[in-house]
Amino acid sequence: MKQFTFKGLMAPVFTAYHGSSQQVNYEIVDPYAKLLKSKGVAAVLVNGTTGEGMLQTVQERKQVAEAWSAACNKHGLVLMVQIGGAPYPDVVELARHAEGLAVDGVLCLPELYFKPKTPEKLTEYLKNVAAHCPETPFFYYHIPMFTDVNVHMPTFLNMAEKVIPNFRGIKYTSGDLDQGSACLKPGRIIFLGADAILCGAVAAGFDSFIMTTLNICPELSDKIIACMAKGDVEGGRKTQRELNDKIATILKDGDWVSAMKKAFNESCNLNLGKTRAPLNFQ
């Protein structure tokens, strides 16, 4: 089974589209990967919330993953692919495809219609999915503000680790830092997915992060982590306020994904196009 040893900053990448046609722009993936590498970002998450994975066909998601696999191999980036947010047969197909690409990790949302209400039900669902990519490190995507799946994460983690052989941890996208901190444990990988509480999370012991702003201003997150590592708490707080002010300014242009994508387009020499419907509904 492949080992997962990455710690640090992982950018959840946007998916690029061509103009008004909204067809996926696969050609821009390579220069996008090169850009992130030049900014010090060493890993990417593909087809997540930021990447509009749930707004693509299964074939598009496969081709996006394939394009990023090639780019990551070329530029030396760690690759995680999000496979959830689709009917169960499609999730299984995406799990098998990700394993075939030999990605570094797979991230999976819960079932979004027949929502699991208990740690047992969530574990059962993920165990069934993970069986289709048994050689790939497997992670759960906890984002209750979107999924409305509010299972207690420390309880779930203890359970999942016992019955899912390739289970390695979670992406924790929640403002509940108390519960997030309770998930931390040696040998367990917990990615924080909440940009606005990075400083507090580092103080609590988090060491891995998947945050949209890493596409735009990874230097601010780097600075927060560096400040906290050397005990400069005030410097960390000051930089967190700077990051939060930047986020607030960006969000004046719309919801999270569409506004962040617009900010990326305006700050870089790459144009990834607009978001797809329903994100671009006015």
Protein backbone atom coordinates (compact mmCIF):
# COMPACT_ATOMS: atom_id res chain seq x y z
CA MET A 1 0.00 0.00 0.00
CA LYS A 2 1.28 3.47 -0.88
CA GLN A 3 2.43 5.57 2.07
CA PHE A 4 1.29 9.16 2.60
CA THR A 5 3.95 11.29 4.27
CA PHE A 6 3.09 14.79 3.03
CA LYS A 7 2.68 17.61 5.55
CA GLY A 8 2.27 21.30 4.83
CA LEU A 9 0.39 23.39 2.29
CA MET A 10 -1.84 21.80 -0.37
CA ALA A 11 -3.70 24.05 -2.81
CA PRO A 12 -7.24 22.99 -3.78
CA VAL A 13 -7.00 23.95 -7.43
CA PHE A 14 -9.62 25.59 -9.60
CA THR A 15 -10.90 23.94 -12.76
CA ALA A 16 -10.40 26.10 -15.84
CA TYR A 17 -13.04 26.62 -18.53
CA HIS A 18 -12.93 28.08 -22.02
CA GLY A 19 -14.91 31.34 -22.28
CA SER A 20 -18.64 31.18 -22.93
CA SER A 21 -18.52 27.52 -24.02
CA GLN A 22 -17.61 26.48 -20.46
CA GLN A 23 -15.72 23.49 -21.81
CA VAL A 24 -12.90 22.34 -19.55
CA ASN A 25 -9.53 23.85 -20.43
CA TYR A 26 -7.11 20.97 -19.87
CA GLU A 27 -4.21 22.72 -21.61
CA ILE A 28 -3.82 25.30 -18.84
CA VAL A 29 -3.18 22.68 -16.14
CA ASP A 30 0.56 22.40 -16.83
CA PRO A 31 1.31 26.15 -16.57
CA TYR A 32 -0.99 26.32 -13.53
CA ALA A 33 1.03 23.58 -11.82
CA LYS A 34 4.27 25.37 -12.73
CA LEU A 35 2.93 28.61 -11.24
CA LEU A 36 1.99 26.97 -7.93
CA LYS A 37 5.38 25.29 -7.74
CA SER A 38 7.08 28.65 -8.24
CA LYS A 39 5.07 30.03 -5.30
CA GLY A 40 6.28 27.29 -2.99
CA VAL A 41 3.12 25.15 -3.08
CA ALA A 42 4.16 21.48 -3.07
CA ALA A 43 0.80 19.68 -3.36
CA VAL A 44 -2.63 20.02 -4.98
CA LEU A 45 -6.16 18.77 -4.40
CA VAL A 46 -8.14 18.25 -7.61
CA ASN A 47 -11.94 18.21 -8.13
CA GLY A 48 -12.79 19.47 -4.66
CA THR A 49 -15.14 22.32 -3.75
CA THR A 50 -12.76 24.95 -5.15
CA GLY A 51 -12.35 22.80 -8.27
CA GLU A 52 -16.12 22.51 -8.88
CA GLY A 53 -15.83 18.74 -9.00
CA MET A 54 -19.54 18.31 -8.35
CA LEU A 55 -20.37 20.42 -11.43
CA GLN A 56 -18.50 18.18 -13.86
CA THR A 57 -19.36 14.94 -15.61
CA VAL A 58 -17.57 11.79 -14.56
CA GLN A 59 -15.57 11.86 -17.80
CA GLU A 60 -14.53 15.47 -17.22
CA ARG A 61 -13.44 14.67 -13.66
CA LYS A 62 -11.35 11.79 -14.97
CA GLN A 63 -9.71 13.94 -17.62
CA VAL A 64 -9.00 16.75 -15.14
CA ALA A 65 -7.37 14.22 -12.82
CA GLU A 66 -5.35 12.82 -15.72
CA ALA A 67 -4.13 16.29 -16.74
CA TRP A 68 -3.09 17.07 -13.18
CA SER A 69 -1.43 13.68 -12.80
CA ALA A 70 0.78 14.42 -15.78
CA ALA A 71 1.54 17.95 -14.55
CA CYS A 72 2.29 16.81 -11.01
CA ASN A 73 4.66 14.11 -12.27
CA LYS A 74 6.40 16.72 -14.43
CA HIS A 75 6.71 19.42 -11.75
CA GLY A 76 7.14 17.22 -8.68
CA LEU A 77 3.86 17.96 -6.90
CA VAL A 78 1.91 15.69 -4.55
CA LEU A 79 -1.55 14.90 -5.98
CA MET A 80 -4.78 14.24 -4.09
CA VAL A 81 -8.05 13.71 -5.99
CA GLN A 82 -11.54 14.28 -4.56
CA ILE A 83 -13.92 11.56 -5.82
CA GLY A 84 -17.16 12.16 -3.88
CA GLY A 85 -20.27 14.24 -4.47
CA ALA A 86 -21.78 11.95 -7.10
CA PRO A 87 -24.09 8.90 -7.26
CA TYR A 88 -22.47 5.91 -5.57
CA PRO A 89 -21.65 4.01 -8.79
CA ASP A 90 -19.87 7.10 -10.11
CA VAL A 91 -17.91 7.51 -6.86
CA VAL A 92 -16.78 3.89 -7.19
CA GLU A 93 -15.75 4.49 -10.81
CA LEU A 94 -13.77 7.59 -9.80
CA ALA A 95 -12.09 5.68 -6.97
CA ARG A 96 -10.93 2.99 -9.40
CA HIS A 97 -9.75 5.62 -11.85
CA ALA A 98 -7.75 7.48 -9.18
CA GLU A 99 -6.06 4.24 -8.16
CA GLY A 100 -5.23 3.54 -11.78
CA LEU A 101 -3.50 6.92 -12.00
CA ALA A 102 -1.44 6.06 -8.91
CA VAL A 103 -2.38 9.35 -7.23
CA ASP A 104 -0.87 10.08 -3.83
CA GLY A 105 -4.20 10.25 -2.02
CA VAL A 106 -7.97 10.13 -2.47
CA LEU A 107 -10.42 12.43 -0.68
CA CYS A 108 -14.11 11.54 -0.47
CA LEU A 109 -17.25 13.40 0.53
CA PRO A 110 -20.06 11.52 2.29
CA GLU A 111 -23.18 10.29 0.53
CA LEU A 112 -25.07 13.54 -0.05
CA TYR A 113 -28.69 12.33 -0.41
CA PHE A 114 -28.98 9.36 1.94
CA LYS A 115 -26.90 11.28 4.44
CA PRO A 116 -25.15 9.21 7.12
CA LYS A 117 -26.32 10.31 10.58
CA THR A 118 -23.97 8.24 12.72
CA PRO A 119 -20.25 7.40 12.77
CA GLU A 120 -21.20 3.81 11.97
CA LYS A 121 -23.11 4.73 8.81
CA LEU A 122 -20.42 7.12 7.60
CA THR A 123 -17.73 4.51 8.20
CA GLU A 124 -19.74 1.88 6.32
CA TYR A 125 -20.14 4.15 3.28
CA LEU A 126 -16.48 5.10 3.16
CA LYS A 127 -15.32 1.52 3.73
CA ASN A 128 -17.29 0.43 0.67
CA VAL A 129 -15.78 3.22 -1.46
CA ALA A 130 -12.23 2.74 -0.17
CA ALA A 131 -12.35 -0.96 -1.11
CA HIS A 132 -12.19 0.17 -4.76
CA CYS A 133 -8.87 2.00 -4.30
CA PRO A 134 -7.24 -0.26 -1.69
CA GLU A 135 -3.63 0.70 -2.49
CA THR A 136 -4.25 4.46 -2.23
CA PRO A 137 -4.25 6.50 1.02
CA PHE A 138 -7.88 7.41 1.68
CA PHE A 139 -9.23 10.55 3.38
CA TYR A 140 -12.69 11.77 4.39
CA TYR A 141 -13.84 15.28 3.45
CA HIS A 142 -15.60 16.85 6.45
CA ILE A 143 -17.38 20.03 5.31
CA PRO A 144 -20.70 20.05 7.20
CA MET A 145 -21.76 23.54 6.07
CA PHE A 146 -22.17 22.08 2.57
CA THR A 147 -23.01 18.43 3.23
CA ASP A 148 -25.13 18.77 6.38
CA VAL A 149 -23.39 15.63 7.65
CA ASN A 150 -22.53 16.50 11.25
CA VAL A 151 -21.04 13.28 12.55
CA HIS A 152 -18.66 13.69 15.52
CA MET A 153 -15.23 13.51 13.90
CA PRO A 154 -13.11 12.13 16.81
CA THR A 155 -15.55 9.23 17.24
CA PHE A 156 -15.69 8.59 13.51
CA LEU A 157 -11.89 8.64 13.16
CA ASN A 158 -11.41 6.05 15.89
CA MET A 159 -13.93 3.82 14.17
CA ALA A 160 -12.75 4.28 10.58
CA GLU A 161 -9.13 3.57 11.44
CA LYS A 162 -10.09 0.15 12.74
CA VAL A 163 -11.99 -1.09 9.69
CA ILE A 164 -10.69 0.80 6.61
CA PRO A 165 -7.14 -0.45 5.89
CA ASN A 166 -6.10 2.48 3.69
CA PHE A 167 -7.77 5.19 5.80
CA ARG A 168 -5.33 7.96 6.74
CA GLY A 169 -7.33 10.94 8.00
CA ILE A 170 -9.62 13.80 7.05
CA LYS A 171 -9.85 17.22 5.53
CA TYR A 172 -11.46 19.24 8.32
CA THR A 173 -13.35 22.25 6.94
CA SER A 174 -15.17 23.64 9.95
CA GLY A 175 -14.84 26.56 12.34
CA ASP A 176 -15.23 24.25 15.33
CA LEU A 177 -11.61 24.24 16.38
CA ASP A 178 -12.37 22.38 19.62
CA GLN A 179 -13.62 19.32 17.75
CA GLY A 180 -10.87 19.68 15.17
CA SER A 181 -8.19 19.74 17.84
CA ALA A 182 -9.68 16.62 19.40
CA CYS A 183 -9.03 14.84 16.09
CA LEU A 184 -5.27 15.37 16.31
CA LYS A 185 -3.30 12.27 17.15
CA PRO A 186 0.19 10.93 16.29
CA GLY A 187 0.15 9.03 13.01
CA ARG A 188 -3.14 10.60 11.92
CA ILE A 189 -3.26 13.21 9.13
CA ILE A 190 -5.72 16.07 9.63
CA PHE A 191 -5.82 18.75 6.95
CA LEU A 192 -7.35 22.06 8.02
CA GLY A 193 -9.64 23.50 5.35
CA ALA A 194 -10.54 26.83 6.99
CA ASP A 195 -8.33 29.75 5.90
CA ALA A 196 -9.65 32.24 8.45
CA ILE A 197 -8.55 30.26 11.53
CA LEU A 198 -5.11 29.16 10.38
CA CYS A 199 -3.24 30.95 13.18
CA GLY A 200 -5.34 29.36 15.93
CA ALA A 201 -5.15 25.97 14.26
CA VAL A 202 -1.35 26.06 14.11
CA ALA A 203 -1.31 26.96 17.80
CA ALA A 204 -3.57 23.97 18.46
CA GLY A 205 -1.18 21.59 16.69
CA PHE A 206 -2.34 21.39 13.06
CA ASP A 207 0.50 20.95 10.57
CA SER A 208 -1.28 20.34 7.25
CA PHE A 209 -3.63 22.62 5.34
CA ILE A 210 -5.85 22.61 2.23
CA MET A 211 -7.05 26.19 1.73
CA THR A 212 -8.31 28.06 -1.34
CA THR A 213 -6.21 31.18 -0.69
CA LEU A 214 -3.06 29.09 -1.25
CA ASN A 215 -3.77 29.58 -4.95
CA ILE A 216 -3.65 33.36 -4.56
CA CYS A 217 -1.42 34.35 -1.63
CA PRO A 218 0.38 31.32 -0.17
CA GLU A 219 3.04 33.64 1.23
CA LEU A 220 0.59 34.84 3.91
CA SER A 221 -0.10 31.31 5.14
CA ASP A 222 3.63 30.57 5.04
CA LYS A 223 4.28 33.64 7.18
CA ILE A 224 1.59 32.73 9.73
CA ILE A 225 3.05 29.23 10.14
CA ALA A 226 6.61 30.58 10.36
CA CYS A 227 5.63 33.17 12.98
CA MET A 228 3.90 30.58 15.14
CA ALA A 229 6.82 28.15 14.79
CA LYS A 230 9.23 30.68 16.28
CA GLY A 231 6.84 31.82 18.99
CA ASP A 232 5.95 35.14 17.37
CA VAL A 233 2.27 34.95 18.27
CA GLU A 234 1.62 38.64 17.64
CA GLY A 235 3.20 38.36 14.19
CA GLY A 236 1.02 35.35 13.44
CA ARG A 237 -2.10 37.18 14.56
CA LYS A 238 -1.21 40.26 12.54
CA THR A 239 -0.68 38.21 9.38
CA GLN A 240 -3.92 36.29 10.01
CA ARG A 241 -5.75 39.61 10.16
CA GLU A 242 -4.10 40.57 6.88
CA LEU A 243 -5.23 37.30 5.30
CA ASN A 244 -8.77 37.69 6.67
CA ASP A 245 -8.98 41.27 5.37
CA LYS A 246 -7.91 40.00 1.94
CA ILE A 247 -10.58 37.29 2.07
CA ALA A 248 -13.24 39.85 3.01
CA THR A 249 -12.24 42.05 0.09
CA ILE A 250 -12.35 39.11 -2.33
CA LEU A 251 -15.77 37.99 -1.12
CA LYS A 252 -17.30 41.35 -2.03
CA ASP A 253 -17.35 39.94 -5.58
CA GLY A 254 -19.57 36.95 -4.83
CA ASP A 255 -19.69 33.57 -3.14
CA TRP A 256 -16.55 31.72 -2.09
CA VAL A 257 -15.60 29.78 -5.22
CA SER A 258 -16.61 32.31 -7.87
CA ALA A 259 -15.04 35.23 -5.99
CA MET A 260 -11.81 33.33 -5.29
CA LYS A 261 -11.56 32.26 -8.92
CA LYS A 262 -12.04 35.86 -10.04
CA ALA A 263 -9.32 36.98 -7.62
CA PHE A 264 -6.96 34.32 -8.97
CA ASN A 265 -7.59 35.43 -12.54
CA GLU A 266 -6.87 39.03 -11.61
CA SER A 267 -3.69 38.28 -9.65
CA CYS A 268 -1.97 35.82 -12.01
CA ASN A 269 -1.04 35.60 -15.66
CA LEU A 270 -3.47 32.72 -16.13
CA ASN A 271 -7.17 33.06 -16.87
CA LEU A 272 -9.20 30.09 -15.68
CA GLY A 273 -12.54 31.49 -16.83
CA LYS A 274 -15.67 31.82 -14.75
CA THR A 275 -17.41 29.25 -12.58
CA ARG A 276 -20.11 27.01 -13.99
CA ALA A 277 -23.81 27.15 -13.14
CA PRO A 278 -25.21 27.09 -10.53
CA LEU A 279 -22.24 28.93 -9.03
CA ASN A 280 -22.44 31.67 -11.63
CA PHE A 281 -26.19 32.28 -11.23
CA GLN A 282 -26.79 35.92 -10.33
